[in-house]
């Protein structure tokens, strides 16, 4: 799944569909950031980042925490992810 695949969900009138879109977008972004962090650590990036590894890793951890909140909320609200 790519970000563009979540457009219809984001535009839905159903909050559960919008919730799914938010979750899927977060997971997509987390995957991209994790891939970047892996390459950063191995000095395999094809660009020089302005941000430190530590800052980007902290962002990834915060995203993971937010993801866990969304997963817990989905369980409570019976939203199948």
C-alpha atoms as a PDB file:
ATOM      1  CA  UNK A   1       0.000   0.000   0.000  1.00  0.00           C
ATOM      2  CA  UNK A   2       1.124   3.536  -0.782  1.00  0.00           C
ATOM      3  CA  UNK A   3      -0.084   6.872   0.557  1.00  0.00           C
ATOM      4  CA  UNK A   4      -2.115   7.468  -2.610  1.00  0.00           C
ATOM      5  CA  UNK A   5      -4.074   4.296  -1.851  1.00  0.00           C
ATOM      6  CA  UNK A   6      -5.510   5.921   1.284  1.00  0.00           C
ATOM      7  CA  UNK A   7      -7.147   8.890  -0.445  1.00  0.00           C
ATOM      8  CA  UNK A   8     -10.645   7.393  -0.627  1.00  0.00           C
ATOM      9  CA  UNK A   9     -10.492   6.373   3.024  1.00  0.00           C
ATOM     10  CA  UNK A  10      -9.401   9.884   4.058  1.00  0.00           C
ATOM     11  CA  UNK A  11     -12.307  11.442   2.195  1.00  0.00           C
ATOM     12  CA  UNK A  12     -14.922   9.120   3.645  1.00  0.00           C
ATOM     13  CA  UNK A  13     -17.769  10.419   5.793  1.00  0.00           C
ATOM     14  CA  UNK A  14     -17.285   7.382   8.036  1.00  0.00           C
ATOM     15  CA  UNK A  15     -14.891   8.123  10.901  1.00  0.00           C
ATOM     16  CA  UNK A  16     -13.788   4.481  10.976  1.00  0.00           C
ATOM     17  CA  UNK A  17     -12.623   4.716   7.376  1.00  0.00           C
ATOM     18  CA  UNK A  18     -10.747   7.949   8.115  1.00  0.00           C
ATOM     19  CA  UNK A  19      -9.237   6.272  11.184  1.00  0.00           C
ATOM     20  CA  UNK A  20      -7.990   3.395   9.001  1.00  0.00           C
ATOM     21  CA  UNK A  21      -6.465   5.880   6.568  1.00  0.00           C
ATOM     22  CA  UNK A  22      -4.630   7.627   9.400  1.00  0.00           C
ATOM     23  CA  UNK A  23      -3.321   4.298  10.671  1.00  0.00           C
ATOM     24  CA  UNK A  24      -2.245   3.070   7.232  1.00  0.00           C
ATOM     25  CA  UNK A  25      -0.522   6.377   6.465  1.00  0.00           C
ATOM     26  CA  UNK A  26       1.357   6.214   9.745  1.00  0.00           C
ATOM     27  CA  UNK A  27       2.497   2.640   9.044  1.00  0.00           C
ATOM     28  CA  UNK A  28       3.668   3.634   5.543  1.00  0.00           C
ATOM     29  CA  UNK A  29       5.622   6.585   6.923  1.00  0.00           C
ATOM     30  CA  UNK A  30       7.118   4.456   9.694  1.00  0.00           C
ATOM     31  CA  UNK A  31       8.309   1.896   7.153  1.00  0.00           C
ATOM     32  CA  UNK A  32       9.935   4.621   5.071  1.00  0.00           C
ATOM     33  CA  UNK A  33      11.626   6.196   8.066  1.00  0.00           C
ATOM     34  CA  UNK A  34      12.833   2.810   9.344  1.00  0.00           C
ATOM     35  CA  UNK A  35      14.351   2.032   5.940  1.00  0.00           C
ATOM     36  CA  UNK A  36      16.073   5.407   5.966  1.00  0.00           C
ATOM     37  CA  UNK A  37      17.389   4.860   9.496  1.00  0.00           C
ATOM     38  CA  UNK A  38      18.797   1.474   8.511  1.00  0.00           C
ATOM     39  CA  UNK A  39      20.612   3.020   5.547  1.00  0.00           C
ATOM     40  CA  UNK A  40      21.726   5.995   7.660  1.00  0.00           C
ATOM     41  CA  UNK A  41      23.368   3.686  10.182  1.00  0.00           C
ATOM     42  CA  UNK A  42      25.187   1.818   7.383  1.00  0.00           C
ATOM     43  CA  UNK A  43      26.239   5.064   5.621  1.00  0.00           C
ATOM     44  CA  UNK A  44      24.281   3.974   2.544  1.00  0.00           C
ATOM     45  CA  UNK A  45      22.085   7.050   2.053  1.00  0.00           C
ATOM     46  CA  UNK A  46      22.321   8.749  -1.325  1.00  0.00           C
ATOM     47  CA  UNK A  47      22.075  12.162   0.346  1.00  0.00           C
ATOM     48  CA  UNK A  48      23.447  13.899   3.415  1.00  0.00           C
ATOM     49  CA  UNK A  49      20.680  14.351   6.012  1.00  0.00           C
ATOM     50  CA  UNK A  50      20.406  17.619   7.899  1.00  0.00           C
ATOM     51  CA  UNK A  51      18.981  15.886  10.972  1.00  0.00           C
ATOM     52  CA  UNK A  52      20.961  13.646  13.257  1.00  0.00           C
ATOM     53  CA  UNK A  53      20.314   9.935  13.428  1.00  0.00           C
ATOM     54  CA  UNK A  54      19.247  10.376  17.053  1.00  0.00           C
ATOM     55  CA  UNK A  55      16.576  12.934  16.204  1.00  0.00           C
ATOM     56  CA  UNK A  56      15.164  10.795  13.396  1.00  0.00           C
ATOM     57  CA  UNK A  57      15.232   7.713  15.611  1.00  0.00           C
ATOM     58  CA  UNK A  58      13.381   9.611  18.358  1.00  0.00           C
ATOM     59  CA  UNK A  59      10.756  10.570  15.767  1.00  0.00           C
ATOM     60  CA  UNK A  60      10.434   6.900  14.778  1.00  0.00           C
ATOM     61  CA  UNK A  61       9.948   5.902  18.421  1.00  0.00           C
ATOM     62  CA  UNK A  62       7.270   8.570  18.899  1.00  0.00           C
ATOM     63  CA  UNK A  63       5.502   7.333  15.785  1.00  0.00           C
ATOM     64  CA  UNK A  64       5.611   3.806  17.206  1.00  0.00           C
ATOM     65  CA  UNK A  65       4.018   4.959  20.442  1.00  0.00           C
ATOM     66  CA  UNK A  66       1.288   6.800  18.525  1.00  0.00           C
ATOM     67  CA  UNK A  67       0.749   3.678  16.424  1.00  0.00           C
ATOM     68  CA  UNK A  68       0.217   1.614  19.566  1.00  0.00           C
ATOM     69  CA  UNK A  69      -2.403   4.116  20.755  1.00  0.00           C
ATOM     70  CA  UNK A  70      -4.222   3.853  17.445  1.00  0.00           C
ATOM     71  CA  UNK A  71      -4.155   0.053  17.646  1.00  0.00           C
ATOM     72  CA  UNK A  72      -5.558   0.113  21.186  1.00  0.00           C
ATOM     73  CA  UNK A  73      -8.260   2.552  20.186  1.00  0.00           C
ATOM     74  CA  UNK A  74      -9.136   0.427  17.144  1.00  0.00           C
ATOM     75  CA  UNK A  75      -9.683  -2.544  19.439  1.00  0.00           C
ATOM     76  CA  UNK A  76     -11.908  -0.535  21.759  1.00  0.00           C
ATOM     77  CA  UNK A  77     -13.943   0.929  18.895  1.00  0.00           C
ATOM     78  CA  UNK A  78     -14.142  -2.333  16.920  1.00  0.00           C
ATOM     79  CA  UNK A  79     -12.233  -0.993  13.942  1.00  0.00           C
ATOM     80  CA  UNK A  80     -10.606  -3.748  11.931  1.00  0.00           C
ATOM     81  CA  UNK A  81      -7.163  -2.705  10.776  1.00  0.00           C
END
